Protein backbone atom coordinates (compact mmCIF):
# COMPACT_ATOMS: atom_id res chain seq x y z
CA UNK A 1 36.37 -82.28 130.02
CA UNK A 2 36.94 -79.09 132.63
CA UNK A 3 34.26 -79.93 134.37
CA UNK A 4 34.44 -76.24 136.61
CA UNK A 5 34.63 -74.56 133.59
CA UNK A 6 31.72 -76.41 132.26
CA UNK A 7 29.68 -75.51 135.73
CA UNK A 8 30.90 -72.05 135.47
CA UNK A 9 29.14 -71.94 131.90
CA UNK A 10 26.16 -73.84 132.93
CA UNK A 11 25.20 -71.48 135.95
CA UNK A 12 25.34 -68.62 133.59
CA UNK A 13 22.73 -70.13 131.71
CA UNK A 14 20.64 -70.50 134.84
CA UNK A 15 21.06 -67.05 135.49
CA UNK A 16 20.32 -66.17 131.74
CA UNK A 17 17.11 -68.16 131.68
CA UNK A 18 16.00 -66.80 134.87
CA UNK A 19 16.51 -62.81 134.11
CA UNK A 20 14.94 -63.72 130.96
CA UNK A 21 11.96 -65.37 131.95
CA UNK A 22 11.53 -63.55 135.44
CA UNK A 23 12.46 -60.59 133.94
CA UNK A 24 9.10 -60.25 131.93
CA UNK A 25 6.99 -61.05 135.35
CA UNK A 26 8.94 -58.90 137.19
CA UNK A 27 8.17 -56.19 134.80
CA UNK A 28 4.41 -56.96 134.88
CA UNK A 29 4.50 -56.40 138.64
CA UNK A 30 6.26 -53.44 138.53
CA UNK A 31 3.50 -51.90 136.01
CA UNK A 32 0.39 -53.20 137.91
CA UNK A 33 -0.20 -50.23 139.83
CA UNK A 34 1.56 -47.37 137.73
CA UNK A 35 0.14 -48.70 134.49
CA UNK A 36 -3.66 -50.29 135.28
CA UNK A 37 -7.03 -47.98 135.62
CA UNK A 38 -8.81 -50.58 137.51
CA UNK A 39 -9.40 -54.00 139.23
CA UNK A 40 -10.29 -55.70 136.01
CA UNK A 41 -6.92 -54.26 134.02
CA UNK A 42 -4.61 -55.62 137.08
CA UNK A 43 -6.16 -59.06 137.13
CA UNK A 44 -5.64 -59.07 133.38
CA UNK A 45 -1.69 -58.13 133.63
CA UNK A 46 -1.86 -60.69 136.97
CA UNK A 47 -3.06 -63.38 134.50
CA UNK A 48 -0.69 -63.05 131.72
CA UNK A 49 2.00 -64.67 134.09
CA UNK A 50 -0.18 -66.22 136.73
CA UNK A 51 0.71 -69.93 135.07
CA UNK A 52 4.53 -69.19 134.99
CA UNK A 53 5.80 -66.82 137.29
CA UNK A 54 6.19 -69.81 139.98
CA UNK A 55 7.92 -71.77 137.45
CA UNK A 56 10.32 -69.14 136.54
CA UNK A 57 11.56 -68.76 139.83
CA UNK A 58 12.90 -72.58 139.39
CA UNK A 59 15.73 -71.17 137.42
CA UNK A 60 16.88 -68.98 140.80
CA UNK A 61 16.67 -71.72 143.06
CA UNK A 62 18.68 -73.94 140.58
CA UNK A 63 21.15 -71.20 139.80
CA UNK A 64 21.50 -70.73 143.89
CA UNK A 65 21.80 -74.57 144.34
CA UNK A 66 24.19 -74.95 141.53
CA UNK A 67 26.27 -72.18 142.67
CA UNK A 68 26.22 -73.89 146.26
CA UNK A 69 27.33 -77.73 145.14
CA UNK A 70 29.66 -76.92 142.49
CA UNK A 71 31.57 -73.53 143.81
CA UNK A 72 30.77 -73.75 147.74
CA UNK A 73 33.70 -70.79 147.86
CA UNK A 74 32.12 -68.54 145.63
CA UNK A 75 28.72 -69.00 147.21
CA UNK A 76 30.09 -68.59 150.95
CA UNK A 77 31.76 -65.55 150.15
CA UNK A 78 29.08 -64.03 148.15
CA UNK A 79 26.00 -64.68 150.26
CA UNK A 80 28.19 -63.52 153.38
CA UNK A 81 29.30 -60.43 151.47
CA UNK A 82 25.88 -59.59 150.06
CA UNK A 83 24.10 -60.71 152.89
CA UNK A 84 21.76 -57.67 153.04
CA UNK A 85 21.09 -57.16 149.41
CA UNK A 86 20.28 -60.92 149.20
CA UNK A 87 17.95 -61.09 152.40
CA UNK A 88 15.69 -58.22 150.90
CA UNK A 89 15.57 -59.75 147.75
CA UNK A 90 14.68 -63.04 149.81
CA UNK A 91 11.95 -61.22 151.63
CA UNK A 92 10.74 -59.22 148.54
CA UNK A 93 10.24 -62.58 146.44
CA UNK A 94 8.25 -64.14 149.63
CA UNK A 95 5.87 -61.43 150.06
CA UNK A 96 5.32 -60.87 146.25
CA UNK A 97 4.31 -64.66 146.27
CA UNK A 98 2.15 -64.49 149.23
CA UNK A 99 0.61 -61.64 147.42
CA UNK A 100 -0.50 -63.35 144.42
CA UNK A 101 -1.99 -66.00 146.14
CA UNK A 102 -3.67 -63.52 148.66
CA UNK A 103 -4.97 -60.68 146.53
CA UNK A 104 -8.24 -62.40 145.58
CA UNK A 105 -9.20 -64.03 149.12
CA UNK A 106 -11.61 -61.82 150.03
CA UNK A 107 -13.52 -59.57 147.78
CA UNK A 108 -12.86 -55.97 149.16
CA UNK A 109 -10.98 -53.17 147.25
CA UNK A 110 -9.09 -51.96 149.51
CA UNK A 111 -7.56 -55.76 150.90
CA UNK A 112 -6.85 -56.44 147.08
CA UNK A 113 -5.18 -52.58 146.77
CA UNK A 114 -2.71 -53.31 149.45
CA UNK A 115 -1.72 -56.76 148.05
CA UNK A 116 -1.38 -55.25 144.78
CA UNK A 117 1.13 -52.20 145.97
CA UNK A 118 3.06 -55.44 147.36
CA UNK A 119 3.29 -57.26 144.25
CA UNK A 120 4.58 -53.91 142.59
CA UNK A 121 6.91 -53.30 145.45
CA UNK A 122 8.18 -56.58 145.87
CA UNK A 123 8.82 -56.88 141.96
CA UNK A 124 10.93 -53.55 142.10
CA UNK A 125 13.14 -54.17 145.11
CA UNK A 126 14.60 -57.46 143.61
CA UNK A 127 14.85 -56.00 139.73
CA UNK A 128 16.96 -53.32 141.22
CA UNK A 129 19.08 -55.68 143.71
CA UNK A 130 20.07 -57.94 141.50
CA UNK A 131 21.74 -55.23 139.14
CA UNK A 132 23.25 -54.13 141.89
CA UNK A 133 24.85 -57.63 142.50
CA UNK A 134 25.67 -58.46 139.32
CA UNK A 135 27.50 -55.37 139.01
CA UNK A 136 29.70 -55.74 141.89
CA UNK A 137 30.61 -59.30 140.92
CA UNK A 138 32.28 -57.74 137.62
CA UNK A 139 33.37 -54.78 139.34
CA UNK A 140 34.82 -57.00 141.96
CA UNK A 141 34.66 -56.80 146.01
CA UNK A 142 37.10 -56.59 148.91
CA UNK A 143 38.37 -60.38 149.28
CA UNK A 144 41.59 -60.60 151.24
CA UNK A 145 44.09 -63.34 151.34
CA UNK A 146 41.71 -65.80 153.38
CA UNK A 147 38.86 -65.28 150.17
CA UNK A 148 36.59 -63.45 152.97
CA UNK A 149 34.44 -60.45 152.24
CA UNK A 150 35.98 -57.94 154.37
CA UNK A 151 34.13 -54.93 153.11
CA UNK A 152 30.67 -53.28 154.11
CA UNK A 153 27.72 -52.52 152.39
CA UNK A 154 28.80 -49.00 151.28
CA UNK A 155 31.42 -50.70 149.54
CA UNK A 156 28.54 -52.55 147.15
CA UNK A 157 26.99 -48.79 146.37
CA UNK A 158 29.48 -47.24 143.59
CA UNK A 159 27.95 -45.35 141.01
CA UNK A 160 28.66 -48.51 138.42
CA UNK A 161 26.52 -50.94 140.82
CA UNK A 162 24.14 -48.40 141.66
CA UNK A 163 23.83 -47.48 137.41
CA UNK A 164 23.64 -51.62 137.24
CA UNK A 165 20.53 -51.82 139.52
CA UNK A 166 19.19 -48.84 137.32
CA UNK A 167 20.02 -50.74 134.30
CA UNK A 168 18.21 -54.01 135.05
CA UNK A 169 15.09 -52.72 136.50
CA UNK A 170 14.80 -50.49 133.24
CA UNK A 171 15.33 -53.55 131.07
CA UNK A 172 12.93 -55.47 132.80
CA UNK A 173 10.23 -52.45 132.72
CA UNK A 174 10.55 -52.57 129.26
CA UNK A 175 10.01 -56.27 129.03
CA UNK A 176 6.86 -57.01 131.09
CA UNK A 177 5.78 -53.65 129.20
CA UNK A 178 6.27 -55.79 125.98
CA UNK A 179 5.14 -58.64 126.88
CA UNK A 180 1.55 -57.54 128.41
CA UNK A 181 1.26 -55.95 124.88
CA UNK A 182 1.85 -59.70 123.58
CA UNK A 183 -0.37 -61.56 126.16
CA UNK A 184 -3.47 -59.22 126.11
CA UNK A 185 -5.60 -57.63 123.39
CA UNK A 186 -7.78 -54.54 123.10
CA UNK A 187 -7.13 -51.32 124.72
CA UNK A 188 -4.98 -52.76 127.64
CA UNK A 189 -2.90 -53.97 124.55
CA UNK A 190 -2.12 -50.68 122.62
CA UNK A 191 -0.98 -48.91 125.76
CA UNK A 192 1.12 -51.26 126.67
CA UNK A 193 2.60 -51.35 123.04
CA UNK A 194 2.55 -47.69 123.35
CA UNK A 195 4.72 -47.45 126.74
CA UNK A 196 6.80 -49.99 125.62
CA UNK A 197 7.76 -47.89 122.48
CA UNK A 198 8.18 -44.85 124.55
CA UNK A 199 10.73 -47.00 126.98
CA UNK A 200 12.63 -48.27 124.42
CA UNK A 201 14.51 -45.61 123.31
CA UNK A 202 16.05 -44.19 127.27
CA UNK A 203 16.46 -47.82 128.27
CA UNK A 204 18.83 -48.80 125.04
CA UNK A 205 20.63 -45.05 126.11
CA UNK A 206 21.06 -46.49 129.75
CA UNK A 207 21.57 -49.71 129.07
CA UNK A 208 24.10 -49.02 126.34
CA UNK A 209 26.34 -46.72 128.40
CA UNK A 210 26.97 -49.61 131.18
CA UNK A 211 27.44 -52.09 129.06
CA UNK A 212 30.07 -50.14 126.99
CA UNK A 213 31.44 -48.66 130.78
CA UNK A 214 31.46 -52.46 131.78
CA UNK A 215 33.69 -53.49 129.03
CA UNK A 216 35.73 -50.68 128.87
CA UNK A 217 36.90 -50.57 132.84
CA UNK A 218 35.89 -54.11 134.09
CA UNK A 219 36.53 -56.94 130.96
CA UNK A 220 39.28 -55.60 128.79
CA UNK A 221 38.60 -58.87 126.82
CA UNK A 222 38.65 -58.82 122.95
CA UNK A 223 35.87 -61.29 122.81
CA UNK A 224 33.35 -59.63 124.72
CA UNK A 225 32.59 -57.13 122.40
CA UNK A 226 30.12 -59.34 120.54
CA UNK A 227 27.93 -59.64 123.24
CA UNK A 228 28.02 -56.10 123.66
CA UNK A 229 27.39 -55.31 119.82
CA UNK A 230 24.81 -58.13 119.73
CA UNK A 231 22.97 -56.21 123.28
CA UNK A 232 23.34 -53.04 121.16
CA UNK A 233 21.95 -53.86 117.92
CA UNK A 234 19.01 -56.31 119.85
CA UNK A 235 17.83 -53.10 121.66
CA UNK A 236 17.96 -50.89 118.55
CA UNK A 237 15.86 -53.43 117.03
CA UNK A 238 13.54 -52.97 120.11
CA UNK A 239 12.90 -49.67 119.15
CA UNK A 240 11.79 -50.00 115.85
CA UNK A 241 9.85 -53.41 116.99
CA UNK A 242 7.91 -51.50 119.37
CA UNK A 243 7.12 -48.57 117.40
CA UNK A 244 6.01 -50.71 114.99
CA UNK A 245 3.85 -52.70 117.58
CA UNK A 246 5.60 -56.20 116.40
CA UNK A 247 5.17 -57.33 119.99
CA UNK A 248 6.63 -60.88 119.27
CA UNK A 249 9.56 -59.63 117.18
CA UNK A 250 10.08 -57.13 119.99
CA UNK A 251 10.15 -59.78 122.97
CA UNK A 252 12.59 -61.73 121.15
CA UNK A 253 14.97 -58.60 120.84
CA UNK A 254 14.71 -57.81 124.39
CA UNK A 255 15.25 -61.36 125.17
CA UNK A 256 18.41 -61.45 122.95
CA UNK A 257 19.66 -58.39 124.48
CA UNK A 258 19.47 -59.91 128.21
CA UNK A 259 20.96 -62.76 126.92
CA UNK A 260 23.93 -60.94 125.58
CA UNK A 261 24.31 -58.93 128.44
CA UNK A 262 24.47 -61.72 130.84
CA UNK A 263 27.29 -63.60 128.56
CA UNK A 264 29.43 -60.31 128.63
CA UNK A 265 29.27 -60.14 132.30
CA UNK A 266 30.06 -63.73 132.77
CA UNK A 267 32.59 -63.19 130.38
CA UNK A 268 34.23 -60.16 132.03
CA UNK A 269 34.12 -62.41 135.07
CA UNK A 270 36.14 -65.25 133.66
CA UNK A 271 37.81 -66.98 134.84
CA UNK A 272 37.16 -65.40 138.00
CA UNK A 273 33.84 -66.00 140.08
CA UNK A 274 34.39 -63.18 142.55
CA UNK A 275 37.04 -60.76 141.65
CA UNK A 276 38.95 -59.44 144.28
CA UNK A 277 39.24 -55.26 144.30
CA UNK A 278 41.90 -55.58 146.82
CA UNK A 279 44.60 -58.17 144.66
CA UNK A 280 43.82 -59.42 141.58
CA UNK A 281 45.94 -62.87 143.68
CA UNK A 282 42.92 -62.85 146.18
CA UNK A 283 40.25 -63.62 144.04
CA UNK A 284 38.14 -66.19 143.91
CA UNK A 285 38.40 -68.20 140.71
CA UNK A 286 36.59 -71.23 138.66
CA UNK A 287 39.70 -73.37 140.06
CA UNK A 288 39.99 -72.35 143.62
CA UNK A 289 36.42 -72.08 144.43
CA UNK A 290 35.26 -75.16 142.83
CA UNK A 291 33.94 -78.53 144.29
CA UNK A 292 35.78 -81.48 143.78
CA UNK A 293 35.76 -83.42 140.00
CA UNK A 294 33.82 -86.47 141.79
CA UNK A 295 31.00 -83.95 143.02
CA UNK A 296 31.04 -82.05 139.46
CA UNK A 297 30.73 -85.47 137.83
CA UNK A 298 27.58 -86.37 140.02
CA UNK A 299 25.95 -82.99 138.96
CA UNK A 300 26.68 -83.32 135.55
CA UNK A 301 24.81 -86.70 135.03
CA UNK A 302 21.86 -85.48 137.04
CA UNK A 303 22.03 -82.16 135.20
CA UNK A 304 21.57 -84.18 131.81
CA UNK A 305 18.85 -86.09 132.93
CA UNK A 306 16.88 -83.30 134.96
CA UNK A 307 17.76 -80.33 132.70
CA UNK A 308 15.57 -81.70 129.34
CA UNK A 309 12.49 -82.89 131.43
CA UNK A 310 12.32 -79.18 133.06
CA UNK A 311 12.76 -77.53 129.92
CA UNK A 312 10.04 -79.59 128.39
CA UNK A 313 7.41 -78.75 131.25
CA UNK A 314 8.17 -74.92 131.22
CA UNK A 315 7.59 -75.43 127.34
CA UNK A 316 4.49 -77.41 127.48
CA UNK A 317 3.35 -74.56 130.25
CA UNK A 318 4.15 -71.59 127.67
CA UNK A 319 2.38 -73.39 125.11
CA UNK A 320 -0.70 -74.55 126.83
CA UNK A 321 -1.11 -70.47 128.07
CA UNK A 322 -0.31 -68.99 124.87
CA UNK A 323 -3.66 -66.92 124.10
CA UNK A 324 -3.90 -63.24 124.81
CA UNK A 325 -6.23 -61.94 127.44
CA UNK A 326 -8.65 -59.23 127.27
CA UNK A 327 -10.85 -57.35 130.22
CA UNK A 328 -13.89 -59.35 128.37
CA UNK A 329 -12.32 -62.49 129.68
CA UNK A 330 -12.19 -61.57 133.36
CA UNK A 331 -15.26 -62.93 135.06
CA UNK A 332 -16.28 -61.07 138.22
CA UNK A 333 -15.42 -62.20 141.82
CA UNK A 334 -17.86 -64.98 142.57
CA UNK A 335 -18.09 -66.60 145.85
CA UNK A 336 -15.49 -64.87 147.64
CA UNK A 337 -16.19 -63.92 151.45
CA UNK A 338 -16.91 -60.11 151.84
CA UNK A 339 -14.55 -58.14 154.23
CA UNK A 340 -17.00 -56.83 156.88
CA UNK A 341 -15.58 -53.13 158.10
CA UNK A 342 -13.74 -53.20 161.64
CA UNK A 343 -14.83 -50.28 164.44
CA UNK A 344 -11.30 -48.87 163.02
CA UNK A 345 -12.82 -48.76 159.58
CA UNK A 346 -16.04 -47.20 160.77
CA UNK A 347 -14.48 -44.45 162.77
CA UNK A 348 -12.60 -43.47 159.18
């Protein structure tokens, strides 16, 4: 068994799970302020992802930890080269998590409004920057003979990378709208379904153009046309399913499109894990960036034991909280301390 290849595939699977699951709760967060009409609707939206959003982030932690342990050279070069974007993602995820916990601690509209905007912004930032980061991994970045990143922030902001950020943000936005329609009922469901139907066509055009650009310019492998076609067909299916208000089918097809795109992206990189734009000989590959077979062997046994437990727990969580929510199911704020106006507030 070629363990470096196995762990490259496993890391791709971890990122796939993260982008599918965190993708819809990013989308819900991105829509929290622009879509909702009042605090009750915002609470419905938050409750659709409340039981699962922090569990979805486990996939990111495991993907990062697996990269660190299995491919330390890849981890070191990527985190040093992408330091600013990854720092912004980390800060956004931190304040987003804090906002989920704190928005309901005080019964005050201004307090909740501020934290709701934090959730919205904290969802948009990683949704865009993850696309920029992955686009740069596929395109290649300046890496020298010592396997060190020698570029700067502006090297990461090519048109291809920026379009990658637009693609992930738009796909997550549509994915989130479909999820809201899938998890709610009544007026909010109808509006979310209509929004998903309006987003489906432009998202398909933007994402389709980017994946073709990726395939033609940076992959060149014959087999990666297969996931590209799967992604394209799935997105077309989303258009039809969203217009017919078939939320379950639309969500499944949207997830398939994300899975196919991640397959295309990692397939275009293989056998590199971080291509060099200076000289292909300087690229980090599966072989020269990996840990020893002994380390990878231990990791494989641990993963084989723990992964089914994690998948079982997450699957059980989604099953328990499978029912639709409505505004009628949201209770009034009871027993929360009211925020008293400060001297500064009274002057305004």
